[in-house]
Amino acid sequence: MSEHVIEVSDSSFEKDVLQSDKPVLVDFWAQWCAPCRMLAPTVEAVAEKYAGSASVVKLNVDDNPAVSQRYGIKGIPTLILFKGNKEVERVVGATSKEAISRMIDKHIGTAAGA
């Protein structure tokens, strides 16, 4: 995990994600998931790119079943972008840094780093 990506849990999700004043990208993942591990460097690069304008967090679905269930996580990796206390975008499966950046850019008002 990098300095730009924090780990959240069932107990910290409300404060770290839903109460955030900026968009938050949540990476739903698990240790045993090969595509999740392949996506990790991409997620970290996105976190570095948007440091200051958006937050990026990871939630381990095995350790945090309540939030995973609440958002209907069926397959991982799943990336969900939250803004203003609600889900605004969702991508299931591995994706590119560019696709994630476009998703975030739509919700931060400016094309940061583009």
N, C-alpha and C. Protein backbone atom coordinates (compact mmCIF):
# COMPACT_ATOMS: atom_id res chain seq x y z
N MET A 1 0.84 -1.18 0.00
CA MET A 1 0.00 0.00 0.00
C MET A 1 0.89 1.25 0.00
N SER A 2 0.46 2.24 -0.74
CA SER A 2 1.27 3.46 -0.84
C SER A 2 0.80 4.50 0.17
N GLU A 3 1.51 5.60 0.23
CA GLU A 3 1.12 6.67 1.15
C GLU A 3 -0.18 7.33 0.71
N HIS A 4 -0.59 7.14 -0.55
CA HIS A 4 -1.79 7.80 -1.07
C HIS A 4 -3.05 6.92 -0.98
N VAL A 5 -2.87 5.65 -0.67
CA VAL A 5 -4.00 4.72 -0.60
C VAL A 5 -4.13 4.25 0.84
N ILE A 6 -5.33 4.44 1.42
CA ILE A 6 -5.52 3.95 2.78
C ILE A 6 -6.48 2.77 2.77
N GLU A 7 -6.35 1.94 3.78
CA GLU A 7 -7.21 0.78 3.96
C GLU A 7 -8.40 1.22 4.81
N VAL A 8 -9.61 0.93 4.36
CA VAL A 8 -10.80 1.23 5.16
C VAL A 8 -11.46 -0.07 5.57
N SER A 9 -12.36 0.02 6.53
CA SER A 9 -13.03 -1.16 7.06
C SER A 9 -14.53 -0.88 7.21
N ASP A 10 -15.25 -1.91 7.59
CA ASP A 10 -16.68 -1.73 7.86
C ASP A 10 -16.89 -0.58 8.85
N SER A 11 -16.02 -0.50 9.87
CA SER A 11 -16.22 0.50 10.92
C SER A 11 -15.77 1.91 10.50
N SER A 12 -14.82 2.03 9.57
CA SER A 12 -14.36 3.37 9.19
C SER A 12 -14.96 3.87 7.87
N PHE A 13 -15.73 3.03 7.19
CA PHE A 13 -16.25 3.37 5.86
C PHE A 13 -17.09 4.65 5.87
N GLU A 14 -17.99 4.75 6.82
CA GLU A 14 -18.87 5.92 6.92
C GLU A 14 -18.05 7.21 6.98
N LYS A 15 -17.08 7.26 7.89
CA LYS A 15 -16.27 8.46 8.09
C LYS A 15 -15.32 8.70 6.90
N ASP A 16 -14.60 7.67 6.47
CA ASP A 16 -13.56 7.84 5.45
C ASP A 16 -14.11 8.00 4.04
N VAL A 17 -15.28 7.44 3.77
CA VAL A 17 -15.81 7.46 2.41
C VAL A 17 -17.06 8.33 2.31
N LEU A 18 -18.10 7.98 3.04
CA LEU A 18 -19.38 8.65 2.87
C LEU A 18 -19.38 10.09 3.39
N GLN A 19 -18.56 10.39 4.39
CA GLN A 19 -18.52 11.75 4.94
C GLN A 19 -17.40 12.60 4.34
N SER A 20 -16.70 12.07 3.35
CA SER A 20 -15.60 12.82 2.74
C SER A 20 -16.14 14.01 1.95
N ASP A 21 -15.38 15.11 1.96
CA ASP A 21 -15.81 16.30 1.22
C ASP A 21 -15.31 16.29 -0.22
N LYS A 22 -14.60 15.22 -0.61
CA LYS A 22 -14.17 15.08 -2.00
C LYS A 22 -14.50 13.68 -2.48
N PRO A 23 -14.50 13.45 -3.80
CA PRO A 23 -14.81 12.11 -4.31
C PRO A 23 -13.84 11.07 -3.74
N VAL A 24 -14.36 9.86 -3.51
CA VAL A 24 -13.54 8.77 -2.98
C VAL A 24 -13.72 7.55 -3.87
N LEU A 25 -12.60 7.04 -4.38
CA LEU A 25 -12.61 5.80 -5.17
C LEU A 25 -12.31 4.66 -4.21
N VAL A 26 -13.23 3.68 -4.16
CA VAL A 26 -13.05 2.52 -3.29
C VAL A 26 -12.73 1.31 -4.15
N ASP A 27 -11.60 0.68 -3.84
CA ASP A 27 -11.18 -0.54 -4.51
C ASP A 27 -11.57 -1.71 -3.62
N PHE A 28 -12.61 -2.46 -4.03
CA PHE A 28 -13.04 -3.65 -3.30
C PHE A 28 -12.18 -4.80 -3.82
N TRP A 29 -11.43 -5.45 -2.92
CA TRP A 29 -10.44 -6.45 -3.34
C TRP A 29 -10.31 -7.54 -2.28
N ALA A 30 -9.49 -8.56 -2.61
CA ALA A 30 -9.13 -9.60 -1.65
C ALA A 30 -7.71 -10.06 -1.95
N GLN A 31 -7.03 -10.54 -0.94
CA GLN A 31 -5.64 -10.97 -1.07
C GLN A 31 -5.47 -12.09 -2.09
N TRP A 32 -6.42 -13.01 -2.16
CA TRP A 32 -6.32 -14.18 -3.04
C TRP A 32 -6.66 -13.87 -4.49
N CYS A 33 -7.13 -12.67 -4.77
CA CYS A 33 -7.64 -12.30 -6.10
C CYS A 33 -6.49 -11.80 -7.00
N ALA A 34 -6.10 -12.62 -7.99
CA ALA A 34 -4.99 -12.24 -8.89
C ALA A 34 -5.28 -10.94 -9.67
N PRO A 35 -6.48 -10.78 -10.27
CA PRO A 35 -6.75 -9.51 -10.97
C PRO A 35 -6.68 -8.30 -10.03
N CYS A 36 -7.06 -8.49 -8.76
CA CYS A 36 -6.97 -7.40 -7.77
C CYS A 36 -5.52 -6.99 -7.57
N ARG A 37 -4.64 -7.99 -7.45
CA ARG A 37 -3.22 -7.69 -7.25
C ARG A 37 -2.63 -7.04 -8.50
N MET A 38 -3.09 -7.45 -9.67
CA MET A 38 -2.61 -6.84 -10.92
C MET A 38 -3.06 -5.38 -11.02
N LEU A 39 -4.24 -5.08 -10.51
CA LEU A 39 -4.80 -3.73 -10.58
C LEU A 39 -4.17 -2.79 -9.54
N ALA A 40 -3.59 -3.34 -8.48
CA ALA A 40 -3.07 -2.53 -7.37
C ALA A 40 -2.12 -1.41 -7.80
N PRO A 41 -1.12 -1.67 -8.67
CA PRO A 41 -0.23 -0.56 -9.08
C PRO A 41 -0.98 0.55 -9.83
N THR A 42 -2.00 0.17 -10.59
CA THR A 42 -2.82 1.15 -11.31
C THR A 42 -3.57 2.02 -10.32
N VAL A 43 -4.18 1.38 -9.32
CA VAL A 43 -4.93 2.11 -8.29
C VAL A 43 -4.00 3.06 -7.54
N GLU A 44 -2.79 2.61 -7.25
CA GLU A 44 -1.83 3.46 -6.54
C GLU A 44 -1.40 4.65 -7.41
N ALA A 45 -1.23 4.42 -8.71
CA ALA A 45 -0.86 5.52 -9.62
C ALA A 45 -1.98 6.55 -9.69
N VAL A 46 -3.22 6.09 -9.72
CA VAL A 46 -4.38 6.99 -9.74
C VAL A 46 -4.43 7.80 -8.43
N ALA A 47 -4.18 7.13 -7.32
CA ALA A 47 -4.20 7.80 -6.02
C ALA A 47 -3.16 8.91 -5.98
N GLU A 48 -1.99 8.64 -6.53
CA GLU A 48 -0.92 9.65 -6.54
C GLU A 48 -1.32 10.82 -7.44
N LYS A 49 -1.89 10.51 -8.61
CA LYS A 49 -2.29 11.54 -9.57
C LYS A 49 -3.34 12.48 -8.98
N TYR A 50 -4.29 11.94 -8.21
CA TYR A 50 -5.41 12.73 -7.70
C TYR A 50 -5.25 13.14 -6.24
N ALA A 51 -4.08 12.94 -5.68
CA ALA A 51 -3.85 13.34 -4.28
C ALA A 51 -4.25 14.81 -4.13
N GLY A 52 -5.14 15.08 -3.19
CA GLY A 52 -5.59 16.46 -2.99
C GLY A 52 -6.97 16.73 -3.57
N SER A 53 -7.31 16.10 -4.71
CA SER A 53 -8.62 16.37 -5.30
C SER A 53 -9.59 15.20 -5.16
N ALA A 54 -9.06 14.01 -4.89
CA ALA A 54 -9.90 12.83 -4.66
C ALA A 54 -9.12 11.88 -3.76
N SER A 55 -9.83 11.04 -3.04
CA SER A 55 -9.19 10.04 -2.18
C SER A 55 -9.34 8.68 -2.82
N VAL A 56 -8.38 7.81 -2.54
CA VAL A 56 -8.45 6.43 -3.02
C VAL A 56 -8.22 5.53 -1.81
N VAL A 57 -9.16 4.59 -1.62
CA VAL A 57 -9.08 3.67 -0.49
C VAL A 57 -9.29 2.24 -0.97
N LYS A 58 -8.84 1.29 -0.17
CA LYS A 58 -9.04 -0.13 -0.47
C LYS A 58 -9.86 -0.75 0.65
N LEU A 59 -10.78 -1.64 0.27
CA LEU A 59 -11.57 -2.35 1.26
C LEU A 59 -11.48 -3.84 0.96
N ASN A 60 -10.93 -4.61 1.90
CA ASN A 60 -10.80 -6.05 1.74
C ASN A 60 -12.17 -6.70 1.98
N VAL A 61 -12.72 -7.34 0.94
CA VAL A 61 -14.08 -7.88 1.04
C VAL A 61 -14.17 -9.05 2.02
N ASP A 62 -13.08 -9.79 2.20
CA ASP A 62 -13.09 -10.92 3.14
C ASP A 62 -13.16 -10.43 4.58
N ASP A 63 -12.48 -9.32 4.86
CA ASP A 63 -12.42 -8.80 6.23
C ASP A 63 -13.57 -7.85 6.56
N ASN A 64 -14.30 -7.39 5.54
CA ASN A 64 -15.34 -6.37 5.73
C ASN A 64 -16.61 -6.72 4.97
N PRO A 65 -17.29 -7.77 5.42
CA PRO A 65 -18.48 -8.25 4.69
C PRO A 65 -19.67 -7.29 4.70
N ALA A 66 -19.81 -6.46 5.73
CA ALA A 66 -21.00 -5.59 5.83
C ALA A 66 -21.05 -4.58 4.69
N VAL A 67 -19.96 -3.85 4.46
CA VAL A 67 -19.94 -2.85 3.38
C VAL A 67 -20.03 -3.54 2.03
N SER A 68 -19.32 -4.65 1.87
CA SER A 68 -19.36 -5.39 0.60
C SER A 68 -20.78 -5.82 0.26
N GLN A 69 -21.50 -6.30 1.27
CA GLN A 69 -22.89 -6.72 1.08
C GLN A 69 -23.78 -5.52 0.77
N ARG A 70 -23.59 -4.45 1.50
CA ARG A 70 -24.40 -3.24 1.35
C ARG A 70 -24.37 -2.72 -0.10
N TYR A 71 -23.20 -2.83 -0.74
CA TYR A 71 -23.07 -2.33 -2.11
C TYR A 71 -23.13 -3.44 -3.16
N GLY A 72 -23.55 -4.62 -2.74
CA GLY A 72 -23.79 -5.70 -3.69
C GLY A 72 -22.57 -6.13 -4.47
N ILE A 73 -21.43 -6.22 -3.79
CA ILE A 73 -20.21 -6.62 -4.47
C ILE A 73 -20.28 -8.12 -4.76
N LYS A 74 -20.35 -8.45 -6.05
CA LYS A 74 -20.46 -9.86 -6.48
C LYS A 74 -19.14 -10.37 -7.04
N GLY A 75 -18.40 -9.49 -7.72
CA GLY A 75 -17.12 -9.87 -8.30
C GLY A 75 -16.08 -8.84 -7.95
N ILE A 76 -14.84 -9.29 -7.86
CA ILE A 76 -13.75 -8.36 -7.56
C ILE A 76 -12.66 -8.55 -8.60
N PRO A 77 -11.89 -7.53 -8.89
CA PRO A 77 -11.96 -6.21 -8.28
C PRO A 77 -13.20 -5.42 -8.74
N THR A 78 -13.75 -4.64 -7.84
CA THR A 78 -14.80 -3.68 -8.16
C THR A 78 -14.33 -2.32 -7.67
N LEU A 79 -14.40 -1.33 -8.53
CA LEU A 79 -14.07 0.04 -8.16
C LEU A 79 -15.36 0.84 -8.13
N ILE A 80 -15.63 1.51 -7.02
CA ILE A 80 -16.81 2.36 -6.91
C ILE A 80 -16.35 3.76 -6.53
N LEU A 81 -16.84 4.74 -7.27
CA LEU A 81 -16.55 6.13 -6.96
C LEU A 81 -17.73 6.71 -6.20
N PHE A 82 -17.45 7.23 -5.02
CA PHE A 82 -18.47 7.85 -4.18
C PHE A 82 -18.27 9.36 -4.20
N LYS A 83 -19.37 10.09 -4.25
CA LYS A 83 -19.32 11.54 -4.15
C LYS A 83 -20.59 11.99 -3.45
N GLY A 84 -20.42 12.89 -2.49
CA GLY A 84 -21.59 13.40 -1.77
C GLY A 84 -22.41 12.31 -1.13
N ASN A 85 -21.76 11.34 -0.48
CA ASN A 85 -22.44 10.31 0.28
C ASN A 85 -23.10 9.22 -0.56
N LYS A 86 -22.88 9.21 -1.90
CA LYS A 86 -23.53 8.16 -2.68
C LYS A 86 -22.64 7.67 -3.83
N GLU A 87 -22.96 6.47 -4.30
CA GLU A 87 -22.24 5.87 -5.42
C GLU A 87 -22.58 6.64 -6.70
N VAL A 88 -21.54 7.04 -7.46
CA VAL A 88 -21.78 7.75 -8.71
C VAL A 88 -21.25 7.00 -9.94
N GLU A 89 -20.29 6.09 -9.75
CA GLU A 89 -19.73 5.30 -10.85
C GLU A 89 -19.28 3.96 -10.29
N ARG A 90 -19.30 2.93 -11.18
CA ARG A 90 -18.85 1.60 -10.77
C ARG A 90 -18.21 0.90 -11.96
N VAL A 91 -17.07 0.25 -11.70
CA VAL A 91 -16.40 -0.57 -12.71
C VAL A 91 -16.09 -1.91 -12.07
N VAL A 92 -16.51 -3.00 -12.73
CA VAL A 92 -16.21 -4.34 -12.22
C VAL A 92 -15.15 -4.95 -13.13
N GLY A 93 -14.09 -5.48 -12.51
CA GLY A 93 -13.00 -6.09 -13.26
C GLY A 93 -11.84 -5.14 -13.42
N ALA A 94 -10.74 -5.69 -13.89
CA ALA A 94 -9.54 -4.88 -14.09
C ALA A 94 -9.80 -3.85 -15.19
N THR A 95 -9.23 -2.67 -15.04
CA THR A 95 -9.43 -1.59 -16.01
C THR A 95 -8.14 -0.78 -16.10
N SER A 96 -8.13 0.20 -16.97
CA SER A 96 -6.91 0.98 -17.18
C SER A 96 -6.88 2.24 -16.32
N LYS A 97 -5.68 2.78 -16.15
CA LYS A 97 -5.52 4.04 -15.43
C LYS A 97 -6.30 5.14 -16.12
N GLU A 98 -6.30 5.13 -17.46
CA GLU A 98 -7.01 6.16 -18.23
C GLU A 98 -8.52 6.10 -17.96
N ALA A 99 -9.07 4.88 -17.94
CA ALA A 99 -10.51 4.73 -17.70
C ALA A 99 -10.88 5.20 -16.29
N ILE A 100 -10.05 4.87 -15.31
CA ILE A 100 -10.31 5.30 -13.94
C ILE A 100 -10.19 6.83 -13.86
N SER A 101 -9.19 7.39 -14.53
CA SER A 101 -8.99 8.85 -14.52
C SER A 101 -10.18 9.57 -15.13
N ARG A 102 -10.70 9.06 -16.23
CA ARG A 102 -11.89 9.69 -16.86
C ARG A 102 -13.07 9.66 -15.91
N MET A 103 -13.23 8.55 -15.21
CA MET A 103 -14.33 8.40 -14.27
C MET A 103 -14.21 9.46 -13.16
N ILE A 104 -13.02 9.63 -12.61
CA ILE A 104 -12.81 10.61 -11.54
C ILE A 104 -12.94 12.04 -12.07
N ASP A 105 -12.35 12.30 -13.25
CA ASP A 105 -12.40 13.65 -13.84
C ASP A 105 -13.83 14.16 -13.96
N LYS A 106 -14.76 13.28 -14.30
CA LYS A 106 -16.16 13.68 -14.47
C LYS A 106 -16.75 14.24 -13.18
N HIS A 107 -16.18 13.85 -12.05
CA HIS A 107 -16.80 14.17 -10.77
C HIS A 107 -16.00 15.15 -9.91
N ILE A 108 -14.85 15.59 -10.39
CA ILE A 108 -14.10 16.57 -9.58
C ILE A 108 -14.20 17.96 -10.17
N GLY A 109 -14.89 18.08 -11.30
CA GLY A 109 -15.13 19.41 -11.85
C GLY A 109 -14.03 19.91 -12.75
N THR A 110 -12.80 19.41 -12.55
CA THR A 110 -11.70 19.81 -13.42
C THR A 110 -10.98 18.56 -13.87
N ALA A 111 -10.33 18.63 -14.98
CA ALA A 111 -9.57 17.48 -15.49
C ALA A 111 -8.17 17.53 -14.87
N ALA A 112 -8.07 17.08 -13.65
CA ALA A 112 -6.78 17.14 -12.94
C ALA A 112 -5.75 16.29 -13.64
N GLY A 113 -4.63 16.89 -13.94
CA GLY A 113 -3.53 16.15 -14.52
C GLY A 113 -3.73 15.72 -15.94
N ALA A 114 -4.81 16.12 -16.57
CA ALA A 114 -5.09 15.66 -17.94
C ALA A 114 -4.45 16.61 -18.95
